[in-house]
Each structure stands twice: as C-alpha cells, then as structure tokens.
Amino acid sequence: MGTTIPAARAALGSASIVPTCTVADVAFSNVTMKETVALIHLIVQKGSRPHHICTGNMDHLFLLQKDEEFRRSYETASLVLADGMPIVWMSGISRSPRIRPLKERVAGSDLFWELVQASVGSGLRLFFLGGAPGAADEAKAEAERRFPGCHVVGTYCPPKETFATEPEQAKIRAMIREAAPDVLLVGLGAPKQEKWILRNKERLGVPVSIGVGGTFEMAAGRVRRAPVWMRRVGMEWAYRMVQDPGRLARRYLGNDLPFLVSAMRSTMRTRMAESVGSESMPFPSLQEGK
C-alpha cells in the first residue's frame, strides 16, 4: 500500500484523505480496492467526524456539469472512487512523469461485497438504505448466505410517495441512529443518494456513508452483473442497457457516450499541452535548494 494509509491517517481531518488524480475536473482517489477497504476501517476506528464516499462513473461526470449540490458532495468527499473503466483509461492517457494514472477501478458493486466479507472478521456494522422495494432485504439475505457471520444491522426501503416528507426523513434518521452502523450504504440512485448523504450525515452518527446506486438489486440477483471480461473492457454499461433499455438507453447513448468522447478529447489536448510544456522546461538540478 506504500504511503497511502499513513498519509490518510495524518489527513483524516481534511476532505480528500489520499493522493488524487484529476479526470474531467473531478479529483479521483488513487487507491486500490484493498486500500479502500483498509481506509474505511481506518476512518471507522480513528475518524472524529462523519465521512462520505462517492463512487464516480461517466453518468456522474455528466451530471456534475450542471448540478452544484451534486458537485459539492464530490468536493467534500473523503474518497472519490473510479467506478467506471473509462475513468481509469482517461487517467492514463498521458505518460507524463508528473501524472500518476489511477491504479484500478473500484466499483461500488464490488466494494459492497468486500465490505460484507470484511465485516465477518472485523465486526464492521453495515446498514442498507434504499433500493427497489424488498431489494435491500434480499441483498442482506444473500450477504448472510455467502458470508455467514457478516454484520448487516439493518435495512430500510423508504416509500417513494412519502420519502421527501419530514416525518419520513425523521424516521429514517432515527432508524439509522438506533442501529448504529459503522458504514451506511445508500442505494437511492445518483444524484439523489449523494445529496441525501450530504444533507443528513452530520445527524446520523455514522462514520462512513457511501452511495451505491443499484447495488442492492445486483446483490439480490434481480439485475444480472456483466461477465468479468465485459467489466474489464469497460462494456458493463452496454450489458446493463440491454437489460433495461427503456430507462438506460437515453442516459448511456444520449448523454454519457457523447460526454465520454468530448472528455477524452479534452483530456488528450490537456495532457499533450502539459507534455510539451514539461519538455520545454529544464528539470531542476538535484542540488538546487540545498
């Protein structure tokens, strides 16, 4: 893990607690899955304030352009994880020595299972909020089947009709406080889940809150996950779109794909300009400043 964990330990009072790599004007945490789980444990054990984690994909990057509150949730996150392979690719377009590309993809749907498994030995307490009706309960049952002894201390799917009312919001907060989880996984969809976390995390008493989108449906087996090879080549979005074309075709083909092309072009221009600039400037002597 190198210096990632010691550096994070020293920076728990700040927003981002690890080195970052900027992609499309968003600072992504340059961490592996293993480091992410270790950092979450560190926050639970040593953090003095509530933290939240964003799991960024191309759809998030598209939405961040016009949604200031959503962007604020990213800017104040302790970790911003690269949930999509295109983000990892864009981070590595340039081979400039000044830029370290992201180490790997850290998908929220994979992090879910890593945390469930970690809770068996560590006692990490998890709470599942959101998802389609019944999905969080089914995800809990599947988690307990796969990893007996895991600590899922509560689930709740708020009704859409009353979700925004103050009585329902008070009920949600009270339920979470009573369960006292270490990690709150919120599956309300973006940007709703990130905004909800930003507005409520100070009143929950939970060390770490994470937006996980449709993870509960995947964990419950309601939505099939793409084969591993499709995830590795960045085509998981296509697999999901085929399963739900009515909801996802416009998002992926009308918004995210054009944005990806534009972002890739912009990233390449920026990195090429940086490379030219670095080549025109002599590197300082190792003796300078001594």
C-alpha atoms as a PDB file:
ATOM      1  CA  MET A   1       0.000   0.000   0.000  1.00  0.00           C
ATOM      2  CA  GLY A   2       3.043   2.265   0.102  1.00  0.00           C
ATOM      3  CA  THR A   3       2.384   5.585   1.815  1.00  0.00           C
ATOM      4  CA  THR A   4      -1.377   5.634   1.181  1.00  0.00           C
ATOM      5  CA  ILE A   5      -2.556   4.508   4.629  1.00  0.00           C
ATOM      6  CA  PRO A   6      -0.031   6.525   6.717  1.00  0.00           C
ATOM      7  CA  ALA A   7      -0.837   9.631   4.678  1.00  0.00           C
ATOM      8  CA  ALA A   8      -4.553   9.064   5.153  1.00  0.00           C
ATOM      9  CA  ARG A   9      -4.089   8.616   8.890  1.00  0.00           C
ATOM     10  CA  ALA A  10      -2.497  12.059   9.051  1.00  0.00           C
ATOM     11  CA  ALA A  11      -5.203  13.655   6.887  1.00  0.00           C
ATOM     12  CA  LEU A  12      -8.415  12.372   8.473  1.00  0.00           C
ATOM     13  CA  GLY A  13      -9.479  15.908   9.276  1.00  0.00           C
ATOM     14  CA  SER A  14      -9.396  17.068   5.649  1.00  0.00           C
ATOM     15  CA  ALA A  15     -11.685  16.352   2.694  1.00  0.00           C
ATOM     16  CA  SER A  16      -9.701  14.026   0.442  1.00  0.00           C
ATOM     17  CA  ILE A  17      -7.523  11.779   2.599  1.00  0.00           C
ATOM     18  CA  VAL A  18      -5.318  10.253  -0.132  1.00  0.00           C
ATOM     19  CA  PRO A  19      -3.472  11.393  -3.280  1.00  0.00           C
ATOM     20  CA  THR A  20      -5.784  12.127  -6.192  1.00  0.00           C
ATOM     21  CA  CYS A  21      -5.790  12.044  -9.991  1.00  0.00           C
ATOM     22  CA  THR A  22      -7.971  14.576 -11.793  1.00  0.00           C
ATOM     23  CA  VAL A  23     -10.223  13.317 -14.586  1.00  0.00           C
ATOM     24  CA  ALA A  24     -12.742  15.649 -16.270  1.00  0.00           C
ATOM     25  CA  ASP A  25     -12.286  18.208 -13.476  1.00  0.00           C
ATOM     26  CA  VAL A  26     -13.009  15.651 -10.744  1.00  0.00           C
ATOM     27  CA  ALA A  27     -10.324  14.583  -8.265  1.00  0.00           C
ATOM     28  CA  PHE A  28     -10.443  10.788  -8.008  1.00  0.00           C
ATOM     29  CA  SER A  29      -8.748   8.979  -5.139  1.00  0.00           C
ATOM     30  CA  ASN A  30      -5.795   6.961  -6.414  1.00  0.00           C
ATOM     31  CA  VAL A  31      -6.454   3.799  -4.430  1.00  0.00           C
ATOM     32  CA  THR A  32      -6.933   0.076  -4.964  1.00  0.00           C
ATOM     33  CA  MET A  33      -9.899  -1.906  -3.657  1.00  0.00           C
ATOM     34  CA  LYS A  34      -7.740  -3.336  -0.880  1.00  0.00           C
ATOM     35  CA  GLU A  35      -6.620   0.150   0.142  1.00  0.00           C
ATOM     36  CA  THR A  36     -10.204   1.420   0.044  1.00  0.00           C
ATOM     37  CA  VAL A  37     -11.397  -1.223   2.499  1.00  0.00           C
ATOM     38  CA  ALA A  38      -8.419  -0.515   4.768  1.00  0.00           C
ATOM     39  CA  LEU A  39      -9.153   3.220   4.644  1.00  0.00           C
ATOM     40  CA  ILE A  40     -12.790   2.660   5.569  1.00  0.00           C
ATOM     41  CA  HIS A  41     -11.686   0.653   8.581  1.00  0.00           C
ATOM     42  CA  LEU A  42      -9.257   3.438   9.475  1.00  0.00           C
ATOM     43  CA  ILE A  43     -11.988   6.086   9.296  1.00  0.00           C
ATOM     44  CA  VAL A  44     -14.304   3.975  11.463  1.00  0.00           C
ATOM     45  CA  GLN A  45     -11.580   3.497  14.059  1.00  0.00           C
ATOM     46  CA  LYS A  46      -9.872   6.906  14.031  1.00  0.00           C
ATOM     47  CA  GLY A  47     -12.171   9.424  12.364  1.00  0.00           C
ATOM     48  CA  SER A  48     -13.540  12.226  14.523  1.00  0.00           C
ATOM     49  CA  ARG A  49     -16.279  13.351  12.131  1.00  0.00           C
ATOM     50  CA  PRO A  50     -18.683  11.731   9.648  1.00  0.00           C
ATOM     51  CA  HIS A  51     -17.158  10.971   6.253  1.00  0.00           C
ATOM     52  CA  HIS A  52     -18.747  10.142   2.920  1.00  0.00           C
ATOM     53  CA  ILE A  53     -17.505   8.370  -0.196  1.00  0.00           C
ATOM     54  CA  CYS A  54     -18.581   8.910  -3.813  1.00  0.00           C
ATOM     55  CA  THR A  55     -18.423   6.195  -6.470  1.00  0.00           C
ATOM     56  CA  GLY A  56     -17.998   8.086  -9.727  1.00  0.00           C
ATOM     57  CA  ASN A  57     -18.861   6.911 -13.226  1.00  0.00           C
ATOM     58  CA  MET A  58     -19.413   8.631 -16.580  1.00  0.00           C
ATOM     59  CA  ASP A  59     -23.046   9.388 -15.789  1.00  0.00           C
ATOM     60  CA  HIS A  60     -21.951  11.173 -12.603  1.00  0.00           C
ATOM     61  CA  LEU A  61     -19.380  13.213 -14.540  1.00  0.00           C
ATOM     62  CA  PHE A  62     -22.094  14.263 -16.985  1.00  0.00           C
ATOM     63  CA  LEU A  63     -24.479  15.291 -14.184  1.00  0.00           C
ATOM     64  CA  LEU A  64     -21.759  17.135 -12.261  1.00  0.00           C
ATOM     65  CA  GLN A  65     -21.513  19.724 -15.038  1.00  0.00           C
ATOM     66  CA  LYS A  66     -24.865  21.311 -14.155  1.00  0.00           C
ATOM     67  CA  ASP A  67     -25.654  20.272 -10.584  1.00  0.00           C
ATOM     68  CA  GLU A  68     -23.865  22.378  -7.968  1.00  0.00           C
ATOM     69  CA  GLU A  69     -25.088  20.424  -4.937  1.00  0.00           C
ATOM     70  CA  PHE A  70     -24.028  17.151  -6.522  1.00  0.00           C
ATOM     71  CA  ARG A  71     -20.606  18.642  -7.243  1.00  0.00           C
ATOM     72  CA  ARG A  72     -20.343  19.813  -3.644  1.00  0.00           C
ATOM     73  CA  SER A  73     -20.853  16.234  -2.483  1.00  0.00           C
ATOM     74  CA  TYR A  74     -17.853  15.238  -4.617  1.00  0.00           C
ATOM     75  CA  GLU A  75     -15.697  18.143  -3.491  1.00  0.00           C
ATOM     76  CA  THR A  76     -16.271  17.338   0.194  1.00  0.00           C
ATOM     77  CA  ALA A  77     -15.955  13.539  -0.102  1.00  0.00           C
ATOM     78  CA  SER A  78     -13.141  11.812   1.767  1.00  0.00           C
ATOM     79  CA  LEU A  79     -12.786   9.342  -1.098  1.00  0.00           C
ATOM     80  CA  VAL A  80     -13.951   9.567  -4.721  1.00  0.00           C
ATOM     81  CA  LEU A  81     -13.678   6.128  -6.289  1.00  0.00           C
ATOM     82  CA  ALA A  82     -13.361   5.376 -10.002  1.00  0.00           C
ATOM     83  CA  ASP A  83     -16.448   3.231 -10.521  1.00  0.00           C
ATOM     84  CA  GLY A  84     -16.075   3.076 -14.321  1.00  0.00           C
ATOM     85  CA  MET A  85     -13.244   1.796 -16.521  1.00  0.00           C
ATOM     86  CA  PRO A  86     -13.364   4.827 -18.875  1.00  0.00           C
ATOM     87  CA  ILE A  87     -12.309   6.991 -15.937  1.00  0.00           C
ATOM     88  CA  VAL A  88      -9.292   4.755 -15.341  1.00  0.00           C
ATOM     89  CA  TRP A  89      -8.451   4.914 -19.060  1.00  0.00           C
ATOM     90  CA  MET A  90      -8.618   8.711 -19.158  1.00  0.00           C
ATOM     91  CA  SER A  91      -6.314   8.950 -16.160  1.00  0.00           C
ATOM     92  CA  GLY A  92      -3.671   7.027 -18.094  1.00  0.00           C
ATOM     93  CA  ILE A  93      -3.864   8.760 -21.472  1.00  0.00           C
ATOM     94  CA  SER A  94      -0.673  10.667 -20.750  1.00  0.00           C
ATOM     95  CA  ARG A  95       2.564   9.021 -19.680  1.00  0.00           C
ATOM     96  CA  SER A  96       3.891  12.266 -18.248  1.00  0.00           C
ATOM     97  CA  PRO A  97       6.078  11.614 -15.178  1.00  0.00           C
ATOM     98  CA  ARG A  98       4.132  14.336 -13.373  1.00  0.00           C
ATOM     99  CA  ILE A  99       0.873  12.387 -13.615  1.00  0.00           C
ATOM    100  CA  ARG A 100       0.165   9.096 -11.912  1.00  0.00           C
ATOM    101  CA  PRO A 101      -2.789   7.275 -13.518  1.00  0.00           C
ATOM    102  CA  LEU A 102      -5.398   5.636 -11.328  1.00  0.00           C
ATOM    103  CA  LYS A 103      -4.280   2.257 -10.031  1.00  0.00           C
ATOM    104  CA  GLU A 104      -7.502   0.400 -10.780  1.00  0.00           C
ATOM    105  CA  ARG A 105     -11.257   0.525 -10.973  1.00  0.00           C
ATOM    106  CA  VAL A 106     -13.017   0.431  -7.587  1.00  0.00           C
ATOM    107  CA  ALA A 107     -16.668  -0.263  -8.356  1.00  0.00           C
ATOM    108  CA  GLY A 108     -19.337   0.302  -5.730  1.00  0.00           C
ATOM    109  CA  SER A 109     -20.977  -3.028  -6.549  1.00  0.00           C
ATOM    110  CA  ASP A 110     -17.660  -4.794  -5.845  1.00  0.00           C
ATOM    111  CA  LEU A 111     -16.969  -2.708  -2.737  1.00  0.00           C
ATOM    112  CA  PHE A 112     -20.323  -3.891  -1.356  1.00  0.00           C
ATOM    113  CA  TRP A 113     -19.127  -7.494  -1.263  1.00  0.00           C
ATOM    114  CA  GLU A 114     -15.676  -6.559   0.023  1.00  0.00           C
ATOM    115  CA  LEU A 115     -17.279  -4.771   2.986  1.00  0.00           C
ATOM    116  CA  VAL A 116     -19.694  -7.629   3.645  1.00  0.00           C
ATOM    117  CA  GLN A 117     -16.809 -10.085   3.689  1.00  0.00           C
ATOM    118  CA  ALA A 118     -14.662  -7.785   5.849  1.00  0.00           C
ATOM    119  CA  SER A 119     -17.466  -7.449   8.387  1.00  0.00           C
ATOM    120  CA  VAL A 120     -17.254 -11.152   9.229  1.00  0.00           C
ATOM    121  CA  GLY A 121     -13.851 -10.904  10.859  1.00  0.00           C
ATOM    122  CA  SER A 122     -13.787  -7.246  11.886  1.00  0.00           C
ATOM    123  CA  GLY A 123     -17.318  -6.797  13.211  1.00  0.00           C
ATOM    124  CA  LEU A 124     -17.864  -3.865  10.830  1.00  0.00           C
ATOM    125  CA  ARG A 125     -21.535  -2.935  11.122  1.00  0.00           C
ATOM    126  CA  LEU A 126     -23.405  -2.291   7.846  1.00  0.00           C
ATOM    127  CA  PHE A 127     -26.800  -0.736   7.091  1.00  0.00           C
ATOM    128  CA  PHE A 128     -28.536  -0.907   3.680  1.00  0.00           C
ATOM    129  CA  LEU A 129     -30.779   2.074   2.854  1.00  0.00           C
ATOM    130  CA  GLY A 130     -32.786   2.349  -0.362  1.00  0.00           C
ATOM    131  CA  GLY A 131     -33.111   0.184  -3.441  1.00  0.00           C
ATOM    132  CA  ALA A 132     -36.302  -1.109  -5.001  1.00  0.00           C
ATOM    133  CA  PRO A 133     -38.902  -2.427  -2.535  1.00  0.00           C
ATOM    134  CA  GLY A 134     -37.523  -5.564  -0.905  1.00  0.00           C
ATOM    135  CA  ALA A 135     -34.120  -5.394  -2.631  1.00  0.00           C
ATOM    136  CA  ALA A 136     -32.168  -4.376   0.481  1.00  0.00           C
ATOM    137  CA  ASP A 137     -33.721  -7.240   2.476  1.00  0.00           C
ATOM    138  CA  GLU A 138     -32.881  -9.680  -0.309  1.00  0.00           C
ATOM    139  CA  ALA A 139     -29.331  -8.306  -0.503  1.00  0.00           C
ATOM    140  CA  LYS A 140     -28.980  -8.824   3.248  1.00  0.00           C
ATOM    141  CA  ALA A 141     -30.198 -12.414   2.954  1.00  0.00           C
ATOM    142  CA  GLU A 142     -27.766 -13.111   0.103  1.00  0.00           C
ATOM    143  CA  ALA A 143     -24.918 -11.498   2.054  1.00  0.00           C
ATOM    144  CA  GLU A 144     -25.660 -13.726   5.050  1.00  0.00           C
ATOM    145  CA  ARG A 145     -25.848 -16.782   2.785  1.00  0.00           C
ATOM    146  CA  ARG A 146     -22.481 -16.077   1.171  1.00  0.00           C
ATOM    147  CA  PHE A 147     -20.711 -14.831   4.285  1.00  0.00           C
ATOM    148  CA  PRO A 148     -22.232 -16.317   7.447  1.00  0.00           C
ATOM    149  CA  GLY A 149     -21.482 -14.114  10.417  1.00  0.00           C
ATOM    150  CA  CYS A 150     -21.465 -10.830   8.473  1.00  0.00           C
ATOM    151  CA  HIS A 151     -22.868  -7.842  10.355  1.00  0.00           C
ATOM    152  CA  VAL A 152     -25.770  -6.243   8.490  1.00  0.00           C
ATOM    153  CA  VAL A 153     -27.510  -4.434  11.329  1.00  0.00           C
ATOM    154  CA  GLY A 154     -30.442  -3.026   9.389  1.00  0.00           C
ATOM    155  CA  THR A 155     -32.180  -2.390   6.077  1.00  0.00           C
ATOM    156  CA  TYR A 156     -34.859   0.042   5.005  1.00  0.00           C
ATOM    157  CA  CYS A 157     -36.525   0.960   1.717  1.00  0.00           C
ATOM    158  CA  PRO A 158     -38.248   4.345   2.083  1.00  0.00           C
ATOM    159  CA  PRO A 159     -41.554   4.681   0.213  1.00  0.00           C
ATOM    160  CA  LYS A 160     -41.235   6.988  -2.780  1.00  0.00           C
ATOM    161  CA  GLU A 161     -44.545   8.668  -2.055  1.00  0.00           C
ATOM    162  CA  THR A 162     -43.514   9.989   1.364  1.00  0.00           C
ATOM    163  CA  PHE A 163     -39.732   9.984   1.115  1.00  0.00           C
ATOM    164  CA  ALA A 164     -39.375  13.782   0.956  1.00  0.00           C
ATOM    165  CA  THR A 165     -41.684  14.460   3.918  1.00  0.00           C
ATOM    166  CA  GLU A 166     -40.159  15.477   7.225  1.00  0.00           C
ATOM    167  CA  PRO A 167     -41.859  12.653   9.199  1.00  0.00           C
ATOM    168  CA  GLU A 168     -40.332  10.069   6.859  1.00  0.00           C
ATOM    169  CA  GLN A 169     -36.926  11.732   6.963  1.00  0.00           C
ATOM    170  CA  ALA A 170     -37.041  11.811  10.761  1.00  0.00           C
ATOM    171  CA  LYS A 171     -37.987   8.123  10.771  1.00  0.00           C
ATOM    172  CA  ILE A 172     -35.033   7.240   8.536  1.00  0.00           C
ATOM    173  CA  ARG A 173     -32.569   9.161  10.689  1.00  0.00           C
ATOM    174  CA  ALA A 174     -33.930   7.635  13.909  1.00  0.00           C
ATOM    175  CA  MET A 175     -33.780   4.111  12.458  1.00  0.00           C
ATOM    176  CA  ILE A 176     -30.155   4.544  11.409  1.00  0.00           C
ATOM    177  CA  ARG A 177     -29.101   6.100  14.708  1.00  0.00           C
ATOM    178  CA  GLU A 178     -30.722   3.240  16.622  1.00  0.00           C
ATOM    179  CA  ALA A 179     -28.972   0.596  14.502  1.00  0.00           C
ATOM    180  CA  ALA A 180     -25.610   2.403  14.967  1.00  0.00           C
ATOM    181  CA  PRO A 181     -23.848   1.153  11.828  1.00  0.00           C
ATOM    182  CA  ASP A 182     -20.213   1.871  11.046  1.00  0.00           C
ATOM    183  CA  VAL A 183     -20.949   2.079   7.313  1.00  0.00           C
ATOM    184  CA  LEU A 184     -24.189   3.235   5.702  1.00  0.00           C
ATOM    185  CA  LEU A 185     -24.715   2.051   2.114  1.00  0.00           C
ATOM    186  CA  VAL A 186     -27.263   4.244   0.329  1.00  0.00           C
ATOM    187  CA  GLY A 187     -28.930   2.974  -2.846  1.00  0.00           C
ATOM    188  CA  LEU A 188     -31.180   5.846  -3.894  1.00  0.00           C
ATOM    189  CA  GLY A 189     -29.577   6.487  -7.285  1.00  0.00           C
ATOM    190  CA  ALA A 190     -27.463   9.472  -8.303  1.00  0.00           C
ATOM    191  CA  PRO A 191     -27.549  12.322  -7.577  1.00  0.00           C
ATOM    192  CA  LYS A 192     -30.330  11.731  -5.032  1.00  0.00           C
ATOM    193  CA  GLN A 193     -28.239   9.493  -2.767  1.00  0.00           C
ATOM    194  CA  GLU A 194     -25.228  11.821  -2.675  1.00  0.00           C
ATOM    195  CA  LYS A 195     -27.399  14.835  -1.909  1.00  0.00           C
ATOM    196  CA  TRP A 196     -29.223  12.947   0.833  1.00  0.00           C
ATOM    197  CA  ILE A 197     -25.947  11.905   2.430  1.00  0.00           C
ATOM    198  CA  LEU A 198     -24.597  15.449   2.244  1.00  0.00           C
ATOM    199  CA  ARG A 199     -27.714  16.857   3.937  1.00  0.00           C
ATOM    200  CA  ASN A 200     -28.007  14.195   6.638  1.00  0.00           C
ATOM    201  CA  LYS A 201     -24.601  12.725   7.514  1.00  0.00           C
ATOM    202  CA  GLU A 202     -23.999  15.127  10.406  1.00  0.00           C
ATOM    203  CA  ARG A 203     -27.224  13.909  12.069  1.00  0.00           C
ATOM    204  CA  LEU A 204     -26.768  10.162  11.697  1.00  0.00           C
ATOM    205  CA  GLY A 205     -23.814   9.320  13.929  1.00  0.00           C
ATOM    206  CA  VAL A 206     -22.383   7.076  11.178  1.00  0.00           C
ATOM    207  CA  PRO A 207     -18.620   7.204  10.495  1.00  0.00           C
ATOM    208  CA  VAL A 208     -18.863   6.398   6.745  1.00  0.00           C
ATOM    209  CA  SER A 209     -21.706   6.812   4.232  1.00  0.00           C
ATOM    210  CA  ILE A 210     -21.421   5.561   0.636  1.00  0.00           C
ATOM    211  CA  GLY A 211     -23.731   5.992  -2.360  1.00  0.00           C
ATOM    212  CA  VAL A 212     -24.015   2.630  -4.126  1.00  0.00           C
ATOM    213  CA  GLY A 213     -26.742   3.114  -6.762  1.00  0.00           C
ATOM    214  CA  GLY A 214     -28.345  -0.138  -7.912  1.00  0.00           C
ATOM    215  CA  THR A 215     -26.012  -2.393  -5.924  1.00  0.00           C
ATOM    216  CA  PHE A 216     -28.754  -3.953  -3.780  1.00  0.00           C
ATOM    217  CA  GLU A 217     -30.631  -5.139  -6.876  1.00  0.00           C
ATOM    218  CA  MET A 218     -27.430  -6.697  -8.225  1.00  0.00           C
ATOM    219  CA  ALA A 219     -26.561  -8.328  -4.903  1.00  0.00           C
ATOM    220  CA  ALA A 220     -30.093  -9.706  -4.631  1.00  0.00           C
ATOM    221  CA  GLY A 221     -29.886 -11.189  -8.121  1.00  0.00           C
ATOM    222  CA  ARG A 222     -32.672  -9.017  -9.552  1.00  0.00           C
ATOM    223  CA  VAL A 223     -30.243  -7.411 -12.012  1.00  0.00           C
ATOM    224  CA  ARG A 224     -27.551  -9.562 -13.599  1.00  0.00           C
ATOM    225  CA  ARG A 225     -23.988  -8.334 -13.399  1.00  0.00           C
ATOM    226  CA  ALA A 226     -21.972  -8.231 -16.605  1.00  0.00           C
ATOM    227  CA  PRO A 227     -19.403 -11.011 -17.138  1.00  0.00           C
ATOM    228  CA  VAL A 228     -15.946 -10.214 -15.798  1.00  0.00           C
ATOM    229  CA  TRP A 229     -14.469  -9.785 -19.278  1.00  0.00           C
ATOM    230  CA  MET A 230     -17.049  -7.110 -20.121  1.00  0.00           C
ATOM    231  CA  ARG A 231     -16.236  -5.242 -16.912  1.00  0.00           C
ATOM    232  CA  ARG A 232     -12.532  -5.330 -17.735  1.00  0.00           C
ATOM    233  CA  VAL A 233     -13.013  -3.857 -21.206  1.00  0.00           C
ATOM    234  CA  GLY A 234     -15.372  -1.154 -19.970  1.00  0.00           C
ATOM    235  CA  MET A 235     -18.573  -2.552 -21.505  1.00  0.00           C
ATOM    236  CA  GLU A 236     -20.601  -3.199 -18.370  1.00  0.00           C
ATOM    237  CA  TRP A 237     -22.836  -0.252 -19.264  1.00  0.00           C
ATOM    238  CA  ALA A 238     -23.881  -1.996 -22.502  1.00  0.00           C
ATOM    239  CA  TYR A 239     -24.804  -5.163 -20.617  1.00  0.00           C
ATOM    240  CA  ARG A 240     -26.944  -3.152 -18.211  1.00  0.00           C
ATOM    241  CA  MET A 241     -28.569  -1.194 -21.025  1.00  0.00           C
ATOM    242  CA  VAL A 242     -29.686  -4.382 -22.786  1.00  0.00           C
ATOM    243  CA  GLN A 243     -31.447  -5.439 -19.570  1.00  0.00           C
ATOM    244  CA  ASP A 244     -33.249  -2.094 -19.150  1.00  0.00           C
ATOM    245  CA  PRO A 245     -33.209  -0.218 -22.497  1.00  0.00           C
ATOM    246  CA  GLY A 246     -36.221   1.956 -21.723  1.00  0.00           C
ATOM    247  CA  ARG A 247     -34.533   3.562 -18.734  1.00  0.00           C
ATOM    248  CA  LEU A 248     -30.859   3.427 -19.687  1.00  0.00           C
ATOM    249  CA  ALA A 249     -30.582   3.870 -23.478  1.00  0.00           C
ATOM    250  CA  ARG A 250     -31.065   7.629 -23.402  1.00  0.00           C
ATOM    251  CA  ARG A 251     -28.752   8.019 -20.416  1.00  0.00           C
ATOM    252  CA  TYR A 252     -25.914   5.994 -21.874  1.00  0.00           C
ATOM    253  CA  LEU A 253     -26.217   6.759 -25.585  1.00  0.00           C
ATOM    254  CA  GLY A 254     -27.678  10.261 -25.446  1.00  0.00           C
ATOM    255  CA  ASN A 255     -25.702  11.673 -22.504  1.00  0.00           C
ATOM    256  CA  ASP A 256     -22.795   9.579 -21.300  1.00  0.00           C
ATOM    257  CA  LEU A 257     -21.267   8.370 -24.582  1.00  0.00           C
ATOM    258  CA  PRO A 258     -21.072  11.841 -26.200  1.00  0.00           C
ATOM    259  CA  PHE A 259     -19.703  13.211 -22.938  1.00  0.00           C
ATOM    260  CA  LEU A 260     -17.061  10.471 -22.824  1.00  0.00           C
ATOM    261  CA  VAL A 261     -15.907  11.298 -26.366  1.00  0.00           C
ATOM    262  CA  SER A 262     -15.733  15.002 -25.532  1.00  0.00           C
ATOM    263  CA  ALA A 263     -13.937  14.360 -22.236  1.00  0.00           C
ATOM    264  CA  MET A 264     -11.407  12.056 -23.885  1.00  0.00           C
ATOM    265  CA  ARG A 265     -10.593  14.691 -26.497  1.00  0.00           C
ATOM    266  CA  SER A 266     -10.258  17.388 -23.864  1.00  0.00           C
ATOM    267  CA  THR A 267      -8.058  15.174 -21.685  1.00  0.00           C
ATOM    268  CA  MET A 268      -5.783  14.332 -24.604  1.00  0.00           C
ATOM    269  CA  ARG A 269      -5.390  18.016 -25.542  1.00  0.00           C
ATOM    270  CA  THR A 270      -4.626  18.975 -21.949  1.00  0.00           C
ATOM    271  CA  ARG A 271      -2.109  16.194 -21.405  1.00  0.00           C
ATOM    272  CA  MET A 272      -0.392  16.901 -24.733  1.00  0.00           C
ATOM    273  CA  ALA A 273      -0.054  20.563 -23.771  1.00  0.00           C
ATOM    274  CA  GLU A 274       1.399  19.542 -20.398  1.00  0.00           C
ATOM    275  CA  SER A 275       3.885  17.232 -22.106  1.00  0.00           C
ATOM    276  CA  VAL A 276       5.029  19.971 -24.473  1.00  0.00           C
ATOM    277  CA  GLY A 277       5.385  22.397 -21.588  1.00  0.00           C
ATOM    278  CA  SER A 278       7.409  19.965 -19.498  1.00  0.00           C
ATOM    279  CA  GLU A 279       9.730  19.207 -22.415  1.00  0.00           C
ATOM    280  CA  SER A 280      10.440  22.901 -22.943  1.00  0.00           C
ATOM    281  CA  MET A 281      11.397  23.442 -19.317  1.00  0.00           C
ATOM    282  CA  PRO A 282      14.711  22.088 -17.968  1.00  0.00           C
ATOM    283  CA  PHE A 283      14.385  19.873 -14.926  1.00  0.00           C
ATOM    284  CA  PRO A 284      15.842  21.485 -11.787  1.00  0.00           C
ATOM    285  CA  SER A 285      19.161  20.219 -10.529  1.00  0.00           C
ATOM    286  CA  LEU A 286      19.052  17.848  -7.604  1.00  0.00           C
ATOM    287  CA  GLN A 287      21.405  20.228  -5.872  1.00  0.00           C
ATOM    288  CA  GLU A 288      19.064  23.204  -6.115  1.00  0.00           C
ATOM    289  CA  GLY A 289      17.534  24.364  -2.905  1.00  0.00           C
ATOM    290  CA  LYS A 290      20.197  22.715  -0.719  1.00  0.00           C
END
